[in-house]
Amino acid sequence: MSVTVRVPAKVNVQLAVGAARPDGFHDLANVFLAVGLYDEVTVTPADELRITCEGPDAGQVPLDRGNLAARAAIALAERRGIEPAVHLHITKDIPVAGGMAGGSADGAGALLACNTLWGTGASRAELLAICAELGSDVPFSLVGGAALGVGRGELLTSLEVGGTFHWVFAMAGRGLSTPAVFREFDRLAEGCDIPEPVASRELLDALAKGDPDALAAAVSNDLQPAALSLFPELSDTLAAGRAAGALTALVSGSGPTTAFLARDPESATKIADVLRASGTCRTVRTATAPAPGATVLTTSATA
């Protein structure tokens, strides 16, 4: 048999970053919102673990055991004392290296797919624990919707969302390394008093009400100055989106994807068209939020 799981991208509507911890991580107040751009992970029994990938920028996806999908399969197999003998096929639609948690999505998707294929009976709590071991964004990819992540982002509290938000995402011509962006954050913050990260009450209220204007006024990303320092051209993309009528514009997570909140579908289409014509980005996508987390789409017999 084979199992296919669909898993969403994310945008950070708030990313509050604390000072570096002794372990090198940073405490975060990270408000995740899952958006309707999806990868699919299909898992099929095989003689040994192998990974294949198709879709936009698939050539940039590692196909070895360092891939988060492979690491997820291995982690679950080790807990159950079995061999991770599966073929993992990833169909990419989430931008690669774009700050939208595409790799984390693949890890969560592979974990749910393997759990279903193998019938391990792992609880939601156990799956979330494995996700947290894999990476800070992986638990949210499993959960979806909207959530506040604290610690390094892996400790989640689900949030209420009272409506649909319309987003436009502009993909840059090159990637940005998340560790490099955090190092630049530390460099820029050197000598500064960095407050403890806390979630914005105004932002949480805006999500609960489904109010795009209030959300636009409350979004923030403490990593944005570091991302712009390393990739100054992103400022041109942000400016183009704002000029096209976006309610707000921000770098998504550690970048380099930029995110634009629109008032309605028509505004999103206009902003996307202007960004495509601006020459400031590589590709543009529109999506709505919130979106469901990792979901089993099909379970089918194979010959």
Protein backbone atom coordinates (compact mmCIF):
# COMPACT_ATOMS: atom_id res chain seq x y z
CA MET A 1 0.00 0.00 0.00
CA SER A 2 0.96 3.65 -0.19
CA VAL A 3 -0.05 6.67 1.88
CA THR A 4 -0.15 10.28 0.66
CA VAL A 5 -0.17 13.19 3.10
CA ARG A 6 -0.71 16.84 2.25
CA VAL A 7 1.00 19.44 4.44
CA PRO A 8 0.87 23.27 4.35
CA ALA A 9 3.33 26.13 4.21
CA LYS A 10 3.37 28.77 6.93
CA VAL A 11 3.79 32.48 7.39
CA ASN A 12 4.90 34.04 10.66
CA VAL A 13 2.57 36.92 11.47
CA GLN A 14 4.66 37.62 14.56
CA LEU A 15 8.22 36.51 15.16
CA ALA A 16 9.56 37.95 18.41
CA VAL A 17 13.15 36.86 19.06
CA GLY A 18 14.92 36.85 22.42
CA ALA A 19 18.62 36.88 23.13
CA ALA A 20 20.77 33.90 22.20
CA ARG A 21 20.59 31.06 24.73
CA PRO A 22 23.60 29.05 25.95
CA ASP A 23 22.58 26.24 23.56
CA GLY A 24 22.77 28.63 20.61
CA PHE A 25 19.00 28.79 20.08
CA HIS A 26 16.82 31.83 20.79
CA ASP A 27 13.61 31.96 22.81
CA LEU A 28 10.77 32.93 20.51
CA ALA A 29 7.20 34.11 20.54
CA ASN A 30 6.29 32.82 17.11
CA VAL A 31 2.73 33.20 15.81
CA PHE A 32 2.33 30.73 12.96
CA LEU A 33 -0.41 30.85 10.36
CA ALA A 34 -0.71 27.92 7.95
CA VAL A 35 -1.37 28.97 4.36
CA GLY A 36 -2.85 27.07 1.43
CA LEU A 37 0.34 26.18 -0.42
CA TYR A 38 1.02 22.48 0.00
CA ASP A 39 3.59 19.75 -0.45
CA GLU A 40 2.50 16.14 -0.72
CA VAL A 41 4.52 13.24 0.67
CA THR A 42 3.77 9.73 -0.57
CA VAL A 43 5.25 6.78 1.31
CA THR A 44 5.47 3.29 -0.21
CA PRO A 45 7.19 0.16 1.14
CA ALA A 46 10.63 -0.41 -0.43
CA ASP A 47 13.76 -2.49 0.01
CA GLU A 48 15.54 0.44 1.63
CA LEU A 49 15.00 4.11 2.45
CA ARG A 50 15.11 6.33 -0.60
CA ILE A 51 13.78 9.76 -1.50
CA THR A 52 12.60 11.28 -4.77
CA CYS A 53 11.22 14.75 -5.41
CA GLU A 54 9.37 16.60 -8.16
CA GLY A 55 7.97 20.09 -8.57
CA PRO A 56 9.31 23.66 -8.67
CA ASP A 57 12.95 23.85 -7.49
CA ALA A 58 12.99 20.12 -6.77
CA GLY A 59 16.64 20.08 -7.79
CA GLN A 60 17.46 22.07 -4.64
CA VAL A 61 15.97 19.44 -2.31
CA PRO A 62 18.53 17.06 -0.74
CA LEU A 63 17.77 13.42 -1.46
CA ASP A 64 19.87 11.88 1.31
CA ARG A 65 19.24 11.00 4.95
CA GLY A 66 19.69 14.63 5.95
CA ASN A 67 16.35 15.48 4.36
CA LEU A 68 13.80 16.11 7.12
CA ALA A 69 11.38 13.63 5.54
CA ALA A 70 14.02 10.91 5.76
CA ARG A 71 14.94 11.92 9.30
CA ALA A 72 11.28 11.70 10.29
CA ALA A 73 10.95 8.18 8.89
CA ILE A 74 14.15 7.11 10.63
CA ALA A 75 13.09 8.65 13.97
CA LEU A 76 9.74 6.87 14.00
CA ALA A 77 11.25 3.57 12.86
CA GLU A 78 13.90 3.69 15.58
CA ARG A 79 11.21 4.23 18.24
CA ARG A 80 9.37 1.15 16.99
CA GLY A 81 12.42 -1.03 16.38
CA ILE A 82 11.78 -1.43 12.66
CA GLU A 83 13.70 -0.62 9.50
CA PRO A 84 12.72 2.60 7.69
CA ALA A 85 12.41 0.67 4.42
CA VAL A 86 10.24 3.10 2.47
CA HIS A 87 10.26 5.15 -0.69
CA LEU A 88 9.46 8.77 0.18
CA HIS A 89 8.24 10.78 -2.81
CA ILE A 90 7.84 14.53 -2.27
CA THR A 91 5.72 16.62 -4.62
CA LYS A 92 6.85 20.19 -3.97
CA ASP A 93 4.67 23.24 -4.25
CA ILE A 94 5.94 25.12 -1.18
CA PRO A 95 8.88 27.36 -2.18
CA VAL A 96 12.25 25.80 -1.44
CA ALA A 97 14.53 27.70 0.99
CA GLY A 98 11.92 30.44 1.20
CA GLY A 99 11.22 30.84 4.90
CA MET A 100 7.83 29.10 4.56
CA ALA A 101 8.82 25.83 6.31
CA GLY A 102 8.75 23.62 3.23
CA GLY A 103 11.38 21.26 4.62
CA SER A 104 9.61 21.15 7.96
CA ALA A 105 6.34 20.42 6.16
CA ASP A 106 7.95 17.47 4.41
CA GLY A 107 9.21 16.14 7.75
CA ALA A 108 5.75 16.34 9.33
CA GLY A 109 4.15 14.85 6.23
CA ALA A 110 6.56 11.93 6.13
CA LEU A 111 6.06 11.28 9.85
CA LEU A 112 2.27 11.12 9.54
CA ALA A 113 2.49 9.05 6.35
CA CYS A 114 4.90 6.51 7.88
CA ASN A 115 2.84 6.32 11.05
CA THR A 116 -0.22 5.50 8.94
CA LEU A 117 1.61 3.06 6.65
CA TRP A 118 3.22 1.14 9.50
CA GLY A 119 0.17 1.29 11.79
CA THR A 120 2.39 2.15 14.75
CA GLY A 121 -0.46 3.62 16.78
CA ALA A 122 1.73 6.54 17.88
CA SER A 123 -0.25 9.15 19.77
CA ARG A 124 -0.52 12.78 18.70
CA ALA A 125 1.72 13.69 21.64
CA GLU A 126 4.38 11.21 20.54
CA LEU A 127 4.28 12.49 16.97
CA LEU A 128 4.63 16.07 18.21
CA ALA A 129 7.59 15.05 20.37
CA ILE A 130 9.33 13.54 17.34
CA CYS A 131 8.52 16.69 15.36
CA ALA A 132 10.14 18.85 18.05
CA GLU A 133 13.29 16.72 17.86
CA LEU A 134 13.41 17.24 14.10
CA GLY A 135 13.17 21.03 14.12
CA SER A 136 11.50 24.10 15.57
CA ASP A 137 8.91 24.52 12.79
CA VAL A 138 8.03 20.84 12.30
CA PRO A 139 5.40 20.56 15.08
CA PHE A 140 3.37 23.39 13.56
CA SER A 141 3.47 21.75 10.15
CA LEU A 142 1.72 18.77 11.74
CA VAL A 143 -0.86 20.90 13.58
CA GLY A 144 -1.64 23.67 11.05
CA GLY A 145 -4.29 26.34 11.55
CA ALA A 146 -2.80 29.04 13.75
CA ALA A 147 -0.65 28.63 16.82
CA LEU A 148 1.68 30.41 19.18
CA GLY A 149 5.06 28.72 19.41
CA VAL A 150 7.31 29.43 22.38
CA GLY A 151 10.63 28.00 23.52
CA ARG A 152 12.46 27.79 20.21
CA GLY A 153 9.04 27.70 18.54
CA GLU A 154 8.24 24.02 19.11
CA LEU A 155 5.92 24.41 22.16
CA LEU A 156 2.54 25.15 20.61
CA THR A 157 -0.75 26.61 21.75
CA SER A 158 -3.51 26.60 19.13
CA LEU A 159 -5.09 29.98 18.36
CA GLU A 160 -8.58 30.94 17.24
CA VAL A 161 -8.95 32.46 13.77
CA GLY A 162 -12.23 34.19 12.99
CA GLY A 163 -12.05 34.46 9.22
CA THR A 164 -10.06 33.95 6.04
CA PHE A 165 -6.95 36.01 5.30
CA HIS A 166 -5.71 36.60 1.76
CA TRP A 167 -1.96 36.53 1.17
CA VAL A 168 0.47 37.12 -1.68
CA PHE A 169 3.97 35.65 -1.52
CA ALA A 170 6.91 36.82 -3.62
CA MET A 171 9.79 34.38 -4.02
CA ALA A 172 13.28 35.81 -4.29
CA GLY A 173 15.92 34.95 -6.85
CA ARG A 174 18.19 33.32 -4.28
CA GLY A 175 17.94 31.73 -0.86
CA LEU A 176 18.85 32.83 2.66
CA SER A 177 20.33 30.59 5.32
CA THR A 178 18.27 30.61 8.52
CA PRO A 179 21.38 30.19 10.74
CA ALA A 180 23.03 33.07 8.88
CA VAL A 181 20.00 35.30 9.50
CA PHE A 182 20.06 34.49 13.23
CA ARG A 183 23.80 35.21 13.34
CA GLU A 184 23.13 38.57 11.69
CA PHE A 185 20.36 39.22 14.23
CA ASP A 186 22.88 38.58 17.02
CA ARG A 187 25.42 40.88 15.36
CA LEU A 188 22.92 43.71 14.93
CA ALA A 189 21.66 43.27 18.50
CA GLU A 190 25.11 43.21 20.09
CA GLY A 191 25.18 45.50 23.09
CA CYS A 192 21.40 45.99 23.04
CA ASP A 193 18.99 45.03 25.79
CA ILE A 194 16.77 42.41 24.11
CA PRO A 195 13.37 42.01 25.83
CA GLU A 196 11.77 38.65 26.52
CA PRO A 197 9.66 37.68 23.51
CA VAL A 198 5.90 37.80 24.12
CA ALA A 199 2.92 37.44 21.83
CA SER A 200 1.12 40.63 20.84
CA ARG A 201 -2.37 40.79 22.35
CA GLU A 202 -3.49 43.06 19.50
CA LEU A 203 -2.32 40.49 16.96
CA LEU A 204 -4.03 37.57 18.70
CA ASP A 205 -7.25 39.59 18.90
CA ALA A 206 -7.01 40.46 15.19
CA LEU A 207 -6.65 36.78 14.29
CA ALA A 208 -9.60 35.83 16.49
CA LYS A 209 -11.78 38.50 14.87
CA GLY A 210 -10.62 37.74 11.33
CA ASP A 211 -9.84 41.46 10.90
CA PRO A 212 -7.24 42.05 8.14
CA ASP A 213 -6.74 45.74 8.97
CA ALA A 214 -6.07 45.01 12.63
CA LEU A 215 -3.77 42.13 11.70
CA ALA A 216 -1.86 44.35 9.28
CA ALA A 217 -1.29 46.89 12.04
CA ALA A 218 0.05 44.24 14.43
CA VAL A 219 2.33 41.97 12.36
CA SER A 220 6.04 42.04 13.18
CA ASN A 221 9.22 40.11 12.45
CA ASP A 222 12.32 40.71 14.57
CA LEU A 223 14.41 38.86 11.97
CA GLN A 224 13.44 41.23 9.16
CA PRO A 225 16.27 43.76 9.74
CA ALA A 226 18.80 40.90 9.66
CA ALA A 227 17.28 39.45 6.48
CA LEU A 228 17.34 42.85 4.80
CA SER A 229 20.92 43.40 5.92
CA LEU A 230 21.97 40.20 4.17
CA PHE A 231 19.61 40.63 1.19
CA PRO A 232 18.99 44.38 0.69
CA GLU A 233 17.12 43.87 -2.58
CA LEU A 234 14.16 42.50 -0.61
CA SER A 235 13.37 46.12 0.32
CA ASP A 236 12.44 46.76 -3.32
CA THR A 237 10.02 43.82 -3.30
CA LEU A 238 8.41 45.01 -0.06
CA ALA A 239 8.02 48.52 -1.48
CA ALA A 240 6.46 47.22 -4.71
CA GLY A 241 3.86 45.24 -2.79
CA ARG A 242 2.99 48.14 -0.54
CA ALA A 243 2.61 50.44 -3.56
CA ALA A 244 0.24 47.87 -5.11
CA GLY A 245 -2.11 48.18 -2.14
CA ALA A 246 -0.97 45.54 0.33
CA LEU A 247 -2.27 46.19 3.84
CA THR A 248 1.15 45.20 5.15
CA ALA A 249 4.37 43.70 3.84
CA LEU A 250 6.96 41.67 5.70
CA VAL A 251 9.70 39.12 5.29
CA SER A 252 8.35 35.63 5.97
CA GLY A 253 10.29 34.10 8.85
CA SER A 254 14.01 34.21 8.09
CA GLY A 255 13.26 34.93 4.44
CA PRO A 256 13.82 35.47 1.65
CA THR A 257 10.14 35.08 0.70
CA THR A 258 8.19 38.28 1.28
CA ALA A 259 4.54 38.20 2.36
CA PHE A 260 1.78 40.70 1.60
CA LEU A 261 -1.62 40.79 3.30
CA ALA A 262 -4.50 41.75 1.01
CA ARG A 263 -7.98 42.92 1.93
CA ASP A 264 -9.80 40.51 -0.40
CA PRO A 265 -9.21 38.12 -3.35
CA GLU A 266 -9.40 40.93 -5.91
CA SER A 267 -6.75 42.95 -4.08
CA ALA A 268 -4.55 39.87 -3.82
CA THR A 269 -4.77 39.34 -7.58
CA LYS A 270 -3.83 42.98 -8.25
CA ILE A 271 -0.88 42.87 -5.84
CA ALA A 272 0.34 39.63 -7.41
CA ASP A 273 0.13 41.09 -10.92
CA VAL A 274 2.06 44.21 -9.91
CA LEU A 275 4.75 42.16 -8.17
CA ARG A 276 5.15 39.88 -11.21
CA ALA A 277 5.68 42.94 -13.40
CA SER A 278 8.00 44.70 -10.94
CA GLY A 279 11.12 42.72 -11.73
CA THR A 280 11.91 42.53 -8.00
CA CYS A 281 11.15 38.83 -7.48
CA ARG A 282 11.33 35.45 -9.21
CA THR A 283 7.79 34.12 -8.84
CA VAL A 284 4.58 35.13 -7.06
CA ARG A 285 1.86 33.00 -5.44
CA THR A 286 -1.45 33.77 -3.78
CA ALA A 287 -2.96 31.73 -0.95
CA THR A 288 -5.52 31.92 1.82
CA ALA A 289 -5.13 31.20 5.53
CA PRO A 290 -5.64 29.43 7.83
CA ALA A 291 -5.06 26.00 6.30
CA PRO A 292 -5.27 22.56 7.92
CA GLY A 293 -2.15 20.79 9.13
CA ALA A 294 -0.78 17.51 7.83
CA THR A 295 -3.68 15.48 6.44
CA VAL A 296 -3.85 11.95 5.04
CA LEU A 297 -5.24 12.30 1.52
CA THR A 298 -5.13 8.73 0.25
CA THR A 299 -4.34 5.26 1.48
CA SER A 300 -4.22 2.88 -1.44
CA ALA A 301 -3.12 -0.67 -2.21
CA THR A 302 -0.18 -1.18 -4.55
CA ALA A 303 0.43 -4.07 -6.87
